[in-house]
C-alpha atoms as a PDB file:
ATOM      1  CA  MET A   1      86.568 106.407 -87.408  1.00  0.00           C
ATOM      2  CA  SER A   2      89.772 105.441 -86.436  1.00  0.00           C
ATOM      3  CA  GLU A   3      92.752 108.568 -85.134  1.00  0.00           C
ATOM      4  CA  GLN A   4      95.567 108.779 -87.868  1.00  0.00           C
ATOM      5  CA  ILE A   5      99.255 108.343 -87.150  1.00  0.00           C
ATOM      6  CA  ILE A   6     100.336 109.001 -90.137  1.00  0.00           C
ATOM      7  CA  SER A   7      98.866 111.082 -92.992  1.00  0.00           C
ATOM      8  CA  MET A   8     101.003 111.654 -96.356  1.00  0.00           C
ATOM      9  CA  GLN A   9      99.323 113.586 -99.499  1.00  0.00           C
ATOM     10  CA  GLY A  10     100.805 114.429-102.553  1.00  0.00           C
ATOM     11  CA  ILE A  11     105.046 113.668-101.678  1.00  0.00           C
ATOM     12  CA  CYS A  12     107.162 113.908-104.046  1.00  0.00           C
ATOM     13  CA  LYS A  13     110.880 113.227-103.544  1.00  0.00           C
ATOM     14  CA  SER A  14     113.752 113.878-106.352  1.00  0.00           C
ATOM     15  CA  TYR A  15     117.645 113.410-106.494  1.00  0.00           C
ATOM     16  CA  GLN A  16     119.812 115.085-109.113  1.00  0.00           C
ATOM     17  CA  MET A  17     122.429 112.590-110.321  1.00  0.00           C
ATOM     18  CA  GLY A  18     124.732 114.506-112.544  1.00  0.00           C
ATOM     19  CA  GLY A  19     122.863 116.047-114.980  1.00  0.00           C
ATOM     20  CA  GLU A  20     119.593 114.041-114.621  1.00  0.00           C
ATOM     21  CA  THR A  21     116.610 114.419-112.182  1.00  0.00           C
ATOM     22  CA  LEU A  22     115.399 111.182-109.936  1.00  0.00           C
ATOM     23  CA  ASN A  23     112.206 110.919-109.886  1.00  0.00           C
ATOM     24  CA  VAL A  24     112.470 108.159-106.711  1.00  0.00           C
ATOM     25  CA  LEU A  25     108.496 109.341-105.032  1.00  0.00           C
ATOM     26  CA  LYS A  26     105.300 110.003-106.883  1.00  0.00           C
ATOM     27  CA  SER A  27     102.936 111.637-105.327  1.00  0.00           C
ATOM     28  CA  VAL A  28     102.818 109.260-102.638  1.00  0.00           C
ATOM     29  CA  ASP A  29      99.316 108.857-100.823  1.00  0.00           C
ATOM     30  CA  PHE A  30     100.011 106.824 -97.707  1.00  0.00           C
ATOM     31  CA  SER A  31      97.882 106.739 -94.335  1.00  0.00           C
ATOM     32  CA  VAL A  32      98.050 104.899 -91.006  1.00  0.00           C
ATOM     33  CA  ASN A  33      94.897 104.531 -88.123  1.00  0.00           C
ATOM     34  CA  LYS A  34      95.929 103.690 -84.764  1.00  0.00           C
ATOM     35  CA  GLY A  35      97.063 100.163 -83.980  1.00  0.00           C
ATOM     36  CA  GLU A  36      97.974  99.170 -87.514  1.00  0.00           C
ATOM     37  CA  PHE A  37     100.466  96.659 -88.276  1.00  0.00           C
ATOM     38  CA  THR A  38     101.319  97.702 -91.761  1.00  0.00           C
ATOM     39  CA  ALA A  39     103.893  96.392 -94.426  1.00  0.00           C
ATOM     40  CA  ILE A  40     105.937  98.378 -97.121  1.00  0.00           C
ATOM     41  CA  LEU A  41     106.533  96.520 -99.801  1.00  0.00           C
ATOM     42  CA  GLY A  42     109.021  96.421-102.258  1.00  0.00           C
ATOM     43  CA  PRO A  43     111.612  95.328-104.382  1.00  0.00           C
ATOM     44  CA  SER A  44     115.474  97.625-104.314  1.00  0.00           C
ATOM     45  CA  GLY A  45     115.321 100.922-105.938  1.00  0.00           C
ATOM     46  CA  SER A  46     111.642 101.001-105.843  1.00  0.00           C
ATOM     47  CA  GLY A  47     111.385 104.001-103.322  1.00  0.00           C
ATOM     48  CA  LYS A  48     110.622 101.916-100.267  1.00  0.00           C
ATOM     49  CA  SER A  49     113.605 103.257 -98.043  1.00  0.00           C
ATOM     50  CA  THR A  50     113.395 107.123 -98.870  1.00  0.00           C
ATOM     51  CA  LEU A  51     110.018 107.068 -98.228  1.00  0.00           C
ATOM     52  CA  MET A  52     110.466 105.560 -94.486  1.00  0.00           C
ATOM     53  CA  ASN A  53     113.220 108.045 -93.473  1.00  0.00           C
ATOM     54  CA  ILE A  54     110.399 110.051 -94.494  1.00  0.00           C
ATOM     55  CA  ILE A  55     107.958 108.981 -92.412  1.00  0.00           C
ATOM     56  CA  GLY A  56     110.672 109.093 -90.037  1.00  0.00           C
ATOM     57  CA  CYS A  57     111.715 112.813 -90.400  1.00  0.00           C
ATOM     58  CA  MET A  58     114.842 112.107 -92.107  1.00  0.00           C
ATOM     59  CA  ASP A  59     114.663 112.830 -95.086  1.00  0.00           C
ATOM     60  CA  SER A  60     112.907 115.653 -96.653  1.00  0.00           C
ATOM     61  CA  PHE A  61     110.132 115.920 -99.599  1.00  0.00           C
ATOM     62  CA  ASP A  62     109.923 118.514-102.441  1.00  0.00           C
ATOM     63  CA  SER A  63     106.243 118.315-101.729  1.00  0.00           C
ATOM     64  CA  GLY A  64     103.065 117.474-100.811  1.00  0.00           C
ATOM     65  CA  THR A  65     102.046 117.364 -96.920  1.00  0.00           C
ATOM     66  CA  TYR A  66     102.606 115.185 -94.129  1.00  0.00           C
ATOM     67  CA  LEU A  67     100.948 115.295 -90.569  1.00  0.00           C
ATOM     68  CA  LEU A  68     102.611 112.620 -87.536  1.00  0.00           C
ATOM     69  CA  ASN A  69      99.908 112.191 -85.313  1.00  0.00           C
ATOM     70  CA  GLY A  70      98.661 115.655 -85.946  1.00  0.00           C
ATOM     71  CA  ILE A  71     101.956 117.374 -86.475  1.00  0.00           C
ATOM     72  CA  PRO A  72     102.859 118.508 -89.304  1.00  0.00           C
ATOM     73  CA  ILE A  73     106.377 117.339 -91.244  1.00  0.00           C
ATOM     74  CA  HIS A  74     105.859 119.758 -93.806  1.00  0.00           C
ATOM     75  CA  GLU A  75     106.132 122.914 -91.310  1.00  0.00           C
ATOM     76  CA  ALA A  76     108.926 121.461 -88.867  1.00  0.00           C
ATOM     77  CA  LYS A  77     111.639 122.962 -88.478  1.00  0.00           C
ATOM     78  CA  GLU A  78     115.274 120.841 -87.628  1.00  0.00           C
ATOM     79  CA  ARG A  79     114.769 121.492 -83.814  1.00  0.00           C
ATOM     80  CA  ASP A  80     111.251 121.002 -83.944  1.00  0.00           C
ATOM     81  CA  LEU A  81     112.302 117.238 -85.362  1.00  0.00           C
ATOM     82  CA  VAL A  82     114.914 115.517 -83.379  1.00  0.00           C
ATOM     83  CA  LYS A  83     111.901 116.391 -80.860  1.00  0.00           C
ATOM     84  CA  ILE A  84     110.047 114.689 -83.016  1.00  0.00           C
ATOM     85  CA  ARG A  85     112.128 111.593 -83.885  1.00  0.00           C
ATOM     86  CA  ASN A  86     112.804 111.650 -79.988  1.00  0.00           C
ATOM     87  CA  GLU A  87     109.469 111.039 -78.385  1.00  0.00           C
ATOM     88  CA  GLN A  88     107.447 110.027 -81.125  1.00  0.00           C
ATOM     89  CA  ILE A  89     109.082 106.914 -82.966  1.00  0.00           C
ATOM     90  CA  GLY A  90     110.159 103.829 -82.481  1.00  0.00           C
ATOM     91  CA  PHE A  91     113.247 103.143 -84.479  1.00  0.00           C
ATOM     92  CA  ILE A  92     114.104  99.470 -85.590  1.00  0.00           C
ATOM     93  CA  PHE A  93     116.862  99.102 -87.181  1.00  0.00           C
ATOM     94  CA  GLN A  94     117.936  96.227 -89.694  1.00  0.00           C
ATOM     95  CA  ASN A  95     121.775  95.676 -88.448  1.00  0.00           C
ATOM     96  CA  TYR A  96     120.511  96.957 -84.877  1.00  0.00           C
ATOM     97  CA  HIS A  97     122.259  99.880 -84.057  1.00  0.00           C
ATOM     98  CA  LEU A  98     123.431  99.267 -80.664  1.00  0.00           C
ATOM     99  CA  ILE A  99     126.442 100.874 -78.925  1.00  0.00           C
ATOM    100  CA  PRO A 100     129.303  98.410 -78.612  1.00  0.00           C
ATOM    101  CA  THR A 101     130.985  99.329 -75.691  1.00  0.00           C
ATOM    102  CA  TYR A 102     127.214  99.819 -73.542  1.00  0.00           C
ATOM    103  CA  THR A 103     125.787  97.145 -71.788  1.00  0.00           C
ATOM    104  CA  VAL A 104     122.061  96.305 -72.799  1.00  0.00           C
ATOM    105  CA  MET A 105     120.818  98.166 -69.949  1.00  0.00           C
ATOM    106  CA  GLN A 106     122.865 101.225 -70.874  1.00  0.00           C
ATOM    107  CA  ASN A 107     121.299 100.776 -74.322  1.00  0.00           C
ATOM    108  CA  ILE A 108     118.201 100.135 -73.800  1.00  0.00           C
ATOM    109  CA  ILE A 109     117.832 103.624 -72.365  1.00  0.00           C
ATOM    110  CA  MET A 110     119.960 106.079 -74.156  1.00  0.00           C
ATOM    111  CA  PRO A 111     116.866 107.851 -75.474  1.00  0.00           C
ATOM    112  CA  LEU A 112     115.469 108.350 -72.538  1.00  0.00           C
ATOM    113  CA  LEU A 113     118.784 110.148 -70.836  1.00  0.00           C
ATOM    114  CA  MET A 114     118.761 111.948 -73.753  1.00  0.00           C
ATOM    115  CA  ARG A 115     115.195 113.075 -73.331  1.00  0.00           C
ATOM    116  CA  GLY A 116     116.805 114.115 -69.499  1.00  0.00           C
ATOM    117  CA  GLU A 117     115.222 111.409 -67.256  1.00  0.00           C
ATOM    118  CA  ASP A 118     117.446 110.654 -64.657  1.00  0.00           C
ATOM    119  CA  ARG A 119     119.319 107.267 -64.796  1.00  0.00           C
ATOM    120  CA  LYS A 120     117.125 104.914 -61.917  1.00  0.00           C
ATOM    121  CA  THR A 121     114.704 106.780 -63.333  1.00  0.00           C
ATOM    122  CA  ALA A 122     115.001 104.807 -67.181  1.00  0.00           C
ATOM    123  CA  GLU A 123     116.065 102.325 -65.664  1.00  0.00           C
ATOM    124  CA  LYS A 124     112.238 101.728 -63.642  1.00  0.00           C
ATOM    125  CA  GLU A 125     110.435 102.558 -66.309  1.00  0.00           C
ATOM    126  CA  CYS A 126     111.739 100.678 -68.606  1.00  0.00           C
ATOM    127  CA  GLN A 127     111.628  97.509 -66.148  1.00  0.00           C
ATOM    128  CA  GLU A 128     108.588  95.854 -67.474  1.00  0.00           C
ATOM    129  CA  VAL A 129     109.656  96.325 -71.459  1.00  0.00           C
ATOM    130  CA  VAL A 130     112.591  94.505 -70.929  1.00  0.00           C
ATOM    131  CA  GLU A 131     111.199  91.942 -69.286  1.00  0.00           C
ATOM    132  CA  MET A 132     108.324  91.302 -71.547  1.00  0.00           C
ATOM    133  CA  LEU A 133     111.246  90.419 -74.223  1.00  0.00           C
ATOM    134  CA  GLY A 134     112.957  88.238 -71.767  1.00  0.00           C
ATOM    135  CA  LEU A 135     116.259  90.320 -72.032  1.00  0.00           C
ATOM    136  CA  ALA A 136     116.332  90.606 -67.283  1.00  0.00           C
ATOM    137  CA  GLU A 137     118.806  87.842 -67.206  1.00  0.00           C
ATOM    138  CA  ARG A 138     120.630  89.475 -69.844  1.00  0.00           C
ATOM    139  CA  LEU A 139     120.838  93.418 -69.276  1.00  0.00           C
ATOM    140  CA  GLN A 140     124.173  93.424 -68.021  1.00  0.00           C
ATOM    141  CA  HIS A 141     125.594  91.527 -71.246  1.00  0.00           C
ATOM    142  CA  LYS A 142     127.008  93.681 -74.110  1.00  0.00           C
ATOM    143  CA  PRO A 143     125.611  93.852 -78.002  1.00  0.00           C
ATOM    144  CA  SER A 144     129.541  90.907 -78.508  1.00  0.00           C
ATOM    145  CA  GLU A 145     128.074  88.520 -76.146  1.00  0.00           C
ATOM    146  CA  LEU A 146     124.164  88.257 -77.680  1.00  0.00           C
ATOM    147  CA  SER A 147     123.169  86.374 -80.177  1.00  0.00           C
ATOM    148  CA  GLY A 148     121.485  88.452 -83.411  1.00  0.00           C
ATOM    149  CA  GLY A 149     117.837  87.970 -82.501  1.00  0.00           C
ATOM    150  CA  GLN A 150     119.046  89.132 -78.545  1.00  0.00           C
ATOM    151  CA  ARG A 151     119.933  92.142 -80.025  1.00  0.00           C
ATOM    152  CA  GLN A 152     117.249  92.534 -81.581  1.00  0.00           C
ATOM    153  CA  ARG A 153     114.681  92.699 -79.302  1.00  0.00           C
ATOM    154  CA  VAL A 154     117.756  94.762 -77.450  1.00  0.00           C
ATOM    155  CA  ALA A 155     116.697  96.958 -79.896  1.00  0.00           C
ATOM    156  CA  ILE A 156     112.969  96.893 -80.141  1.00  0.00           C
ATOM    157  CA  ALA A 157     112.966  97.799 -75.900  1.00  0.00           C
ATOM    158  CA  ARG A 158     114.726 100.666 -76.663  1.00  0.00           C
ATOM    159  CA  ALA A 159     112.910 101.815 -79.147  1.00  0.00           C
ATOM    160  CA  LEU A 160     109.338 100.930 -76.673  1.00  0.00           C
ATOM    161  CA  CYS A 161     111.069 102.045 -73.687  1.00  0.00           C
ATOM    162  CA  SER A 162     110.052 105.952 -75.218  1.00  0.00           C
ATOM    163  CA  LYS A 163     106.289 104.864 -75.888  1.00  0.00           C
ATOM    164  CA  PRO A 164     105.849 105.818 -79.470  1.00  0.00           C
ATOM    165  CA  SER A 165     103.338 106.459 -80.815  1.00  0.00           C
ATOM    166  CA  LEU A 166     105.293 104.893 -83.767  1.00  0.00           C
ATOM    167  CA  LEU A 167     107.156 101.806 -83.980  1.00  0.00           C
ATOM    168  CA  LEU A 168     109.083 102.225 -87.530  1.00  0.00           C
ATOM    169  CA  ALA A 169     110.918  98.649 -88.904  1.00  0.00           C
ATOM    170  CA  ASP A 170     113.254  98.992 -91.440  1.00  0.00           C
ATOM    171  CA  GLU A 171     113.864  95.117 -92.464  1.00  0.00           C
ATOM    172  CA  PRO A 172     113.682  94.116 -89.056  1.00  0.00           C
ATOM    173  CA  THR A 173     114.870  90.507 -89.552  1.00  0.00           C
ATOM    174  CA  GLY A 174     117.415  91.062 -92.862  1.00  0.00           C
ATOM    175  CA  ALA A 175     120.646  90.177 -90.808  1.00  0.00           C
ATOM    176  CA  LEU A 176     119.111  87.261 -88.964  1.00  0.00           C
ATOM    177  CA  ASP A 177     118.534  83.278 -89.495  1.00  0.00           C
ATOM    178  CA  GLN A 178     114.603  82.177 -89.910  1.00  0.00           C
ATOM    179  CA  ASN A 179     114.054  80.831 -86.821  1.00  0.00           C
ATOM    180  CA  SER A 180     115.347  84.807 -85.318  1.00  0.00           C
ATOM    181  CA  GLY A 181     113.644  86.218 -88.253  1.00  0.00           C
ATOM    182  CA  ALA A 182     109.670  84.146 -86.571  1.00  0.00           C
ATOM    183  CA  GLU A 183     110.858  84.879 -83.072  1.00  0.00           C
ATOM    184  CA  VAL A 184     110.972  88.858 -83.817  1.00  0.00           C
ATOM    185  CA  LEU A 185     107.764  89.191 -85.999  1.00  0.00           C
ATOM    186  CA  ARG A 186     105.896  86.820 -83.827  1.00  0.00           C
ATOM    187  CA  LEU A 187     106.961  90.068 -80.812  1.00  0.00           C
ATOM    188  CA  PHE A 188     106.125  92.158 -83.632  1.00  0.00           C
ATOM    189  CA  THR A 189     102.563  90.219 -83.393  1.00  0.00           C
ATOM    190  CA  LYS A 190     102.534  90.477 -80.188  1.00  0.00           C
ATOM    191  CA  LEU A 191     103.534  94.396 -80.213  1.00  0.00           C
ATOM    192  CA  HIS A 192     100.707  94.875 -82.251  1.00  0.00           C
ATOM    193  CA  GLU A 193      98.224  93.005 -80.312  1.00  0.00           C
ATOM    194  CA  MET A 194      99.037  95.598 -77.204  1.00  0.00           C
ATOM    195  CA  GLY A 195      97.283  98.416 -79.310  1.00  0.00           C
ATOM    196  CA  ASN A 196     100.993  99.528 -80.917  1.00  0.00           C
ATOM    197  CA  THR A 197     101.160 101.235 -84.634  1.00  0.00           C
ATOM    198  CA  ILE A 198     103.862  99.160 -86.376  1.00  0.00           C
ATOM    199  CA  VAL A 199     105.132  99.794 -90.236  1.00  0.00           C
ATOM    200  CA  MET A 200     106.801  97.779 -91.149  1.00  0.00           C
ATOM    201  CA  ILE A 201     110.192  98.221 -94.170  1.00  0.00           C
ATOM    202  CA  THR A 202     110.911  95.334 -96.227  1.00  0.00           C
ATOM    203  CA  HIS A 203     111.120  93.437 -99.681  1.00  0.00           C
ATOM    204  CA  ASP A 204     111.082  90.066 -98.574  1.00  0.00           C
ATOM    205  CA  LEU A 205     106.480  89.204 -99.136  1.00  0.00           C
ATOM    206  CA  ASN A 206     106.269  86.325 -96.002  1.00  0.00           C
ATOM    207  CA  VAL A 207     107.481  89.131 -94.360  1.00  0.00           C
ATOM    208  CA  ALA A 208     105.520  90.752 -95.313  1.00  0.00           C
ATOM    209  CA  LYS A 209     102.675  88.326 -94.609  1.00  0.00           C
ATOM    210  CA  TRP A 210     103.463  89.132 -90.951  1.00  0.00           C
ATOM    211  CA  ALA A 211     101.031  92.887 -91.318  1.00  0.00           C
ATOM    212  CA  GLU A 212      97.847  92.634 -90.839  1.00  0.00           C
ATOM    213  CA  ARG A 213      97.951  95.071 -94.208  1.00  0.00           C
ATOM    214  CA  THR A 214      99.960  95.089 -97.083  1.00  0.00           C
ATOM    215  CA  VAL A 215     101.369  98.789 -98.868  1.00  0.00           C
ATOM    216  CA  ARG A 216     102.854  97.849-102.588  1.00  0.00           C
ATOM    217  CA  ILE A 217     105.822 100.436-103.576  1.00  0.00           C
ATOM    218  CA  VAL A 218     106.417 100.555-107.504  1.00  0.00           C
ATOM    219  CA  ASP A 219     108.477 103.416-108.879  1.00  0.00           C
ATOM    220  CA  GLY A 220     108.069 105.230-106.394  1.00  0.00           C
ATOM    221  CA  GLU A 221     104.019 104.702-106.627  1.00  0.00           C
ATOM    222  CA  VAL A 222     102.309 103.581-103.684  1.00  0.00           C
ATOM    223  CA  PHE A 223      99.130 100.828-104.186  1.00  0.00           C
ATOM    224  CA  GLU A 224      97.320  99.284-101.725  1.00  0.00           C
ATOM    225  CA  ASP A 225      96.533  94.964-101.738  1.00  0.00           C
ATOM    226  CA  ALA A 226      93.642  94.273-101.625  1.00  0.00           C
ATOM    227  CA  GLY A 227      92.444  92.397 -98.712  1.00  0.00           C
END
């Protein structure tokens, strides 16, 4: 039996808008096995961003259970969630979230420094990832000196260096041109083949097709694509 990284059951989330209750997620059941590459596909307003924030332990939910790598997120305190986000999840955002005044290497090792590792150890740990992603010649550059595709590779390197159990990518090609987007998606395919577990949020069917499995979210409900 496959090991589950994500196991969600009956996840509900609502917001108060004026005097009305907006039900964003409606009893969502969702699971991801170790080593899977899963796309969550949905239009704007479907609830996919809310689901992503809950998967990433960045938002709470009203009811249901969520196990991440066997850890009961529904019982975790905020202090625990900070540790889980830093150690279990590698975040890859549409707009990279790089610190503009930091070099490429400083951006990449930041999560390790936040964990208390010394700089030399962190740099050594990241060396293999940096070389695999073709960033070795760019380590002293600032983000403003890189192309969009290179910036996203830096963001991916930063996520990978923490050795997370889950890579969570939010519209990772949304800010890129077609060629750079395809390059990033090929990289995700390679990372998947190396055994990484990836959940990718997207509104674009052509992007979702790169994943081995697609889950659709429509009006706060999740549906598995056949095949």
